[in-house]
Amino acid sequence: MRRKTLDLLLNWVGVLLTVMLLVAGVGLLVGYNFTSSQVKSQLLEQKVYFPVKGGQDYQDLVTAHLTSYAGKEVLTGSEAQIFANDIIAVDTNAISGGKTYAQVSAASLKDPSNTSLANEVNLVFRGDTLRGLLLNAYAFGFLGVVALYAAIASFLLALVMLVLTLLGVRHYRKGDPADVI
């Protein structure tokens, strides 16, 4: 095989890889933008706010050293995780005495006349449901951030591949057509 033929083949592979990395980067960026906008729009609809200073749950923020969130609306996946784990989980554990919803519900089914226990089941169920929804927002927000970093890496790799391809074109032009590998 002639050296120039191999150089030309490698240059075309470099062009193809550069284009593929650019397309992948654009796709990942679109995925990040979609995920972020969906998480934000879903959280906006819920109108969840961190407790304000002096509020009932503010002490949970103080305990978690997160007082900078006080009064702020929950709009991102990471904020949803903080609210779910540092506010709701603390409250539902306090209500149920550290028992899960299934344990509290089973106890309530054994004693259906206990209205206090039935109320506890209702509160823990609602808290665990909201916590689960917020943690889903966190999970999708996290996947969006992963897509953003992957897009950045893809664009950087495309740039490196472009430089290598241009160097290969330069080498192709300087090569002797008579060289054989």
C-alpha atoms as a PDB file:
ATOM      1  CA  MET A   1       0.000   0.000   0.000  1.00  0.00           C
ATOM      2  CA  ARG A   2       1.288   3.446  -0.830  1.00  0.00           C
ATOM      3  CA  ARG A   3       1.968   5.825   2.036  1.00  0.00           C
ATOM      4  CA  LYS A   4      -0.223   8.583   0.510  1.00  0.00           C
ATOM      5  CA  THR A   5      -3.168   6.172   0.256  1.00  0.00           C
ATOM      6  CA  LEU A   6      -2.861   5.309   3.947  1.00  0.00           C
ATOM      7  CA  ASP A   7      -2.535   9.014   4.864  1.00  0.00           C
ATOM      8  CA  LEU A   8      -5.642   9.843   2.836  1.00  0.00           C
ATOM      9  CA  LEU A   9      -7.588   7.005   4.455  1.00  0.00           C
ATOM     10  CA  LEU A  10      -6.542   8.108   7.960  1.00  0.00           C
ATOM     11  CA  ASN A  11      -7.488  11.711   7.162  1.00  0.00           C
ATOM     12  CA  TRP A  12     -10.984  10.638   6.137  1.00  0.00           C
ATOM     13  CA  VAL A  13     -11.322   8.597   9.315  1.00  0.00           C
ATOM     14  CA  GLY A  14     -10.270  11.699  11.273  1.00  0.00           C
ATOM     15  CA  VAL A  15     -12.883  13.816   9.509  1.00  0.00           C
ATOM     16  CA  LEU A  16     -15.541  11.188  10.180  1.00  0.00           C
ATOM     17  CA  LEU A  17     -14.616  10.943  13.868  1.00  0.00           C
ATOM     18  CA  THR A  18     -14.601  14.735  14.213  1.00  0.00           C
ATOM     19  CA  VAL A  19     -18.085  14.988  12.709  1.00  0.00           C
ATOM     20  CA  MET A  20     -19.356  12.115  14.871  1.00  0.00           C
ATOM     21  CA  LEU A  21     -18.000  13.749  18.037  1.00  0.00           C
ATOM     22  CA  LEU A  22     -19.593  17.068  17.083  1.00  0.00           C
ATOM     23  CA  VAL A  23     -22.955  15.408  16.430  1.00  0.00           C
ATOM     24  CA  ALA A  24     -22.715  13.520  19.733  1.00  0.00           C
ATOM     25  CA  GLY A  25     -21.851  16.749  21.554  1.00  0.00           C
ATOM     26  CA  VAL A  26     -24.842  18.539  20.054  1.00  0.00           C
ATOM     27  CA  GLY A  27     -27.116  15.624  20.981  1.00  0.00           C
ATOM     28  CA  LEU A  28     -25.832  15.576  24.536  1.00  0.00           C
ATOM     29  CA  LEU A  29     -26.258  19.343  24.809  1.00  0.00           C
ATOM     30  CA  VAL A  30     -29.850  19.039  23.607  1.00  0.00           C
ATOM     31  CA  GLY A  31     -30.401  16.310  26.217  1.00  0.00           C
ATOM     32  CA  TYR A  32     -28.974  18.532  28.944  1.00  0.00           C
ATOM     33  CA  ASN A  33     -31.155  21.473  27.924  1.00  0.00           C
ATOM     34  CA  PHE A  34     -34.279  19.308  27.730  1.00  0.00           C
ATOM     35  CA  THR A  35     -33.663  17.660  31.093  1.00  0.00           C
ATOM     36  CA  SER A  36     -32.864  20.939  32.832  1.00  0.00           C
ATOM     37  CA  SER A  37     -35.903  22.726  31.430  1.00  0.00           C
ATOM     38  CA  GLN A  38     -38.205  19.823  32.309  1.00  0.00           C
ATOM     39  CA  VAL A  39     -36.921  19.598  35.874  1.00  0.00           C
ATOM     40  CA  LYS A  40     -37.278  23.354  36.344  1.00  0.00           C
ATOM     41  CA  SER A  41     -40.752  23.554  34.809  1.00  0.00           C
ATOM     42  CA  GLN A  42     -41.994  20.616  36.879  1.00  0.00           C
ATOM     43  CA  LEU A  43     -40.596  22.092  40.074  1.00  0.00           C
ATOM     44  CA  LEU A  44     -42.008  25.533  39.227  1.00  0.00           C
ATOM     45  CA  GLU A  45     -45.482  24.008  39.006  1.00  0.00           C
ATOM     46  CA  GLN A  46     -45.117  22.496  42.466  1.00  0.00           C
ATOM     47  CA  LYS A  47     -44.217  25.831  44.115  1.00  0.00           C
ATOM     48  CA  VAL A  48     -42.006  24.223  46.771  1.00  0.00           C
ATOM     49  CA  TYR A  49     -40.029  26.677  48.909  1.00  0.00           C
ATOM     50  CA  PHE A  50     -37.372  26.144  51.513  1.00  0.00           C
ATOM     51  CA  PRO A  51     -38.520  27.245  54.961  1.00  0.00           C
ATOM     52  CA  VAL A  52     -37.944  30.871  55.909  1.00  0.00           C
ATOM     53  CA  LYS A  53     -36.028  31.969  58.973  1.00  0.00           C
ATOM     54  CA  GLY A  54     -38.234  31.493  61.991  1.00  0.00           C
ATOM     55  CA  GLY A  55     -40.432  29.001  60.148  1.00  0.00           C
ATOM     56  CA  GLN A  56     -41.328  25.584  61.488  1.00  0.00           C
ATOM     57  CA  ASP A  57     -38.785  23.645  59.413  1.00  0.00           C
ATOM     58  CA  TYR A  58     -36.026  26.258  59.426  1.00  0.00           C
ATOM     59  CA  GLN A  59     -34.188  24.332  62.148  1.00  0.00           C
ATOM     60  CA  ASP A  60     -33.732  21.466  59.672  1.00  0.00           C
ATOM     61  CA  LEU A  61     -31.804  23.833  57.384  1.00  0.00           C
ATOM     62  CA  VAL A  62     -29.719  25.070  60.309  1.00  0.00           C
ATOM     63  CA  THR A  63     -28.895  21.499  61.307  1.00  0.00           C
ATOM     64  CA  ALA A  64     -27.850  20.697  57.720  1.00  0.00           C
ATOM     65  CA  HIS A  65     -25.846  23.975  57.463  1.00  0.00           C
ATOM     66  CA  LEU A  66     -27.953  25.060  54.494  1.00  0.00           C
ATOM     67  CA  THR A  67     -29.373  28.359  55.725  1.00  0.00           C
ATOM     68  CA  SER A  68     -28.469  30.064  52.421  1.00  0.00           C
ATOM     69  CA  TYR A  69     -31.478  28.272  50.897  1.00  0.00           C
ATOM     70  CA  ALA A  70     -33.960  29.788  53.361  1.00  0.00           C
ATOM     71  CA  GLY A  71     -37.033  31.112  51.561  1.00  0.00           C
ATOM     72  CA  LYS A  72     -35.691  30.112  48.136  1.00  0.00           C
ATOM     73  CA  GLU A  73     -37.887  28.260  45.650  1.00  0.00           C
ATOM     74  CA  VAL A  74     -36.801  24.719  44.765  1.00  0.00           C
ATOM     75  CA  LEU A  75     -35.932  24.884  41.037  1.00  0.00           C
ATOM     76  CA  THR A  76     -33.059  22.465  40.401  1.00  0.00           C
ATOM     77  CA  GLY A  77     -32.489  18.779  40.913  1.00  0.00           C
ATOM     78  CA  SER A  78     -29.846  19.338  43.572  1.00  0.00           C
ATOM     79  CA  GLU A  79     -32.157  21.690  45.478  1.00  0.00           C
ATOM     80  CA  ALA A  80     -34.906  19.055  45.227  1.00  0.00           C
ATOM     81  CA  GLN A  81     -32.557  16.489  46.763  1.00  0.00           C
ATOM     82  CA  ILE A  82     -31.692  18.826  49.627  1.00  0.00           C
ATOM     83  CA  PHE A  83     -35.347  19.580  50.313  1.00  0.00           C
ATOM     84  CA  ALA A  84     -36.285  15.884  50.106  1.00  0.00           C
ATOM     85  CA  ASN A  85     -33.509  14.621  52.364  1.00  0.00           C
ATOM     86  CA  ASP A  86     -33.000  17.511  54.793  1.00  0.00           C
ATOM     87  CA  ILE A  87     -36.572  18.716  55.245  1.00  0.00           C
ATOM     88  CA  ILE A  88     -39.110  16.045  54.307  1.00  0.00           C
ATOM     89  CA  ALA A  89     -37.136  12.987  55.457  1.00  0.00           C
ATOM     90  CA  VAL A  90     -36.416  14.637  58.806  1.00  0.00           C
ATOM     91  CA  ASP A  91     -40.096  15.513  59.268  1.00  0.00           C
ATOM     92  CA  THR A  92     -41.473  12.108  58.259  1.00  0.00           C
ATOM     93  CA  ASN A  93     -38.947  10.349  60.503  1.00  0.00           C
ATOM     94  CA  ALA A  94     -40.023  12.593  63.385  1.00  0.00           C
ATOM     95  CA  ILE A  95     -43.703  11.865  62.708  1.00  0.00           C
ATOM     96  CA  SER A  96     -43.247   8.093  62.406  1.00  0.00           C
ATOM     97  CA  GLY A  97     -40.553   7.697  65.035  1.00  0.00           C
ATOM     98  CA  GLY A  98     -38.125   6.469  62.377  1.00  0.00           C
ATOM     99  CA  LYS A  99     -40.487   3.824  61.001  1.00  0.00           C
ATOM    100  CA  THR A 100     -41.160   3.442  57.299  1.00  0.00           C
ATOM    101  CA  TYR A 101     -44.538   4.048  55.724  1.00  0.00           C
ATOM    102  CA  ALA A 102     -45.042   0.287  55.375  1.00  0.00           C
ATOM    103  CA  GLN A 103     -44.417  -0.261  59.090  1.00  0.00           C
ATOM    104  CA  VAL A 104     -46.737   2.554  60.166  1.00  0.00           C
ATOM    105  CA  SER A 105     -49.413   1.415  57.715  1.00  0.00           C
ATOM    106  CA  ALA A 106     -49.214  -2.178  58.931  1.00  0.00           C
ATOM    107  CA  ALA A 107     -49.629  -0.987  62.524  1.00  0.00           C
ATOM    108  CA  SER A 108     -52.632   1.112  61.498  1.00  0.00           C
ATOM    109  CA  LEU A 109     -54.266  -1.847  59.748  1.00  0.00           C
ATOM    110  CA  LYS A 110     -53.918  -3.900  62.940  1.00  0.00           C
ATOM    111  CA  ASP A 111     -55.635  -1.136  64.934  1.00  0.00           C
ATOM    112  CA  PRO A 112     -58.146   0.594  62.621  1.00  0.00           C
ATOM    113  CA  SER A 113     -59.811   2.437  65.514  1.00  0.00           C
ATOM    114  CA  ASN A 114     -56.626   4.397  66.323  1.00  0.00           C
ATOM    115  CA  THR A 115     -57.269   7.736  64.562  1.00  0.00           C
ATOM    116  CA  SER A 116     -53.936   9.173  65.678  1.00  0.00           C
ATOM    117  CA  LEU A 117     -52.103   6.327  63.975  1.00  0.00           C
ATOM    118  CA  ALA A 118     -54.282   6.707  60.843  1.00  0.00           C
ATOM    119  CA  ASN A 119     -53.364  10.400  60.723  1.00  0.00           C
ATOM    120  CA  GLU A 120     -49.694   9.488  61.115  1.00  0.00           C
ATOM    121  CA  VAL A 121     -50.004   7.054  58.183  1.00  0.00           C
ATOM    122  CA  ASN A 122     -51.570   9.791  56.045  1.00  0.00           C
ATOM    123  CA  LEU A 123     -48.837  12.318  56.872  1.00  0.00           C
ATOM    124  CA  VAL A 124     -46.007   9.846  56.314  1.00  0.00           C
ATOM    125  CA  PHE A 125     -47.552   8.715  53.010  1.00  0.00           C
ATOM    126  CA  ARG A 126     -47.858  12.276  51.736  1.00  0.00           C
ATOM    127  CA  GLY A 127     -44.338  13.138  52.888  1.00  0.00           C
ATOM    128  CA  ASP A 128     -42.793  10.031  51.353  1.00  0.00           C
ATOM    129  CA  THR A 129     -44.674  10.621  48.097  1.00  0.00           C
ATOM    130  CA  LEU A 130     -43.448  14.203  47.792  1.00  0.00           C
ATOM    131  CA  ARG A 131     -39.963  13.094  48.745  1.00  0.00           C
ATOM    132  CA  GLY A 132     -40.003  10.444  46.018  1.00  0.00           C
ATOM    133  CA  LEU A 133     -41.150  12.972  43.427  1.00  0.00           C
ATOM    134  CA  LEU A 134     -38.442  15.423  44.419  1.00  0.00           C
ATOM    135  CA  LEU A 135     -35.778  12.711  44.329  1.00  0.00           C
ATOM    136  CA  ASN A 136     -36.927  11.819  40.795  1.00  0.00           C
ATOM    137  CA  ALA A 137     -36.371  15.468  39.841  1.00  0.00           C
ATOM    138  CA  TYR A 138     -32.913  15.183  41.391  1.00  0.00           C
ATOM    139  CA  ALA A 139     -32.154  12.008  39.407  1.00  0.00           C
ATOM    140  CA  PHE A 140     -33.157  13.586  36.099  1.00  0.00           C
ATOM    141  CA  GLY A 141     -31.266  16.759  36.962  1.00  0.00           C
ATOM    142  CA  PHE A 142     -28.175  14.671  37.689  1.00  0.00           C
ATOM    143  CA  LEU A 143     -28.492  12.873  34.346  1.00  0.00           C
ATOM    144  CA  GLY A 144     -28.723  16.267  32.678  1.00  0.00           C
ATOM    145  CA  VAL A 145     -25.504  17.402  34.331  1.00  0.00           C
ATOM    146  CA  VAL A 146     -23.804  14.175  33.226  1.00  0.00           C
ATOM    147  CA  ALA A 147     -24.993  14.900  29.662  1.00  0.00           C
ATOM    148  CA  LEU A 148     -23.553  18.422  29.907  1.00  0.00           C
ATOM    149  CA  TYR A 149     -20.127  17.137  30.969  1.00  0.00           C
ATOM    150  CA  ALA A 150     -20.233  14.469  28.267  1.00  0.00           C
ATOM    151  CA  ALA A 151     -21.098  17.164  25.691  1.00  0.00           C
ATOM    152  CA  ILE A 152     -18.149  19.273  26.805  1.00  0.00           C
ATOM    153  CA  ALA A 153     -15.845  16.243  26.601  1.00  0.00           C
ATOM    154  CA  SER A 154     -17.210  15.404  23.165  1.00  0.00           C
ATOM    155  CA  PHE A 155     -16.572  18.930  21.889  1.00  0.00           C
ATOM    156  CA  LEU A 156     -13.041  18.908  23.314  1.00  0.00           C
ATOM    157  CA  LEU A 157     -12.320  15.530  21.735  1.00  0.00           C
ATOM    158  CA  ALA A 158     -13.710  16.815  18.428  1.00  0.00           C
ATOM    159  CA  LEU A 159     -11.316  19.749  18.643  1.00  0.00           C
ATOM    160  CA  VAL A 160      -8.367  17.435  19.324  1.00  0.00           C
ATOM    161  CA  MET A 161      -9.454  15.180  16.456  1.00  0.00           C
ATOM    162  CA  LEU A 162      -9.761  18.191  14.150  1.00  0.00           C
ATOM    163  CA  VAL A 163      -6.213  19.309  14.980  1.00  0.00           C
ATOM    164  CA  LEU A 164      -4.895  15.781  14.410  1.00  0.00           C
ATOM    165  CA  THR A 165      -6.753  15.578  11.105  1.00  0.00           C
ATOM    166  CA  LEU A 166      -5.337  18.921   9.953  1.00  0.00           C
ATOM    167  CA  LEU A 167      -1.851  17.727  10.882  1.00  0.00           C
ATOM    168  CA  GLY A 168      -2.551  14.576   8.876  1.00  0.00           C
ATOM    169  CA  VAL A 169      -3.600  16.675   5.861  1.00  0.00           C
ATOM    170  CA  ARG A 170      -0.358  18.621   6.141  1.00  0.00           C
ATOM    171  CA  HIS A 171       1.581  15.355   6.296  1.00  0.00           C
ATOM    172  CA  TYR A 172      -0.336  14.039   3.284  1.00  0.00           C
ATOM    173  CA  ARG A 173       0.586  17.085   1.213  1.00  0.00           C
ATOM    174  CA  LYS A 174       4.279  16.825   2.120  1.00  0.00           C
ATOM    175  CA  GLY A 175       4.489  13.093   1.520  1.00  0.00           C
ATOM    176  CA  ASP A 176       6.316  11.560  -1.416  1.00  0.00           C
ATOM    177  CA  PRO A 177       3.877   9.765  -3.785  1.00  0.00           C
ATOM    178  CA  ALA A 178       6.455   7.059  -4.407  1.00  0.00           C
ATOM    179  CA  ASP A 179       6.707   5.969  -0.717  1.00  0.00           C
ATOM    180  CA  VAL A 180       5.424   2.438  -0.084  1.00  0.00           C
ATOM    181  CA  ILE A 181       4.640   0.978   3.319  1.00  0.00           C
END
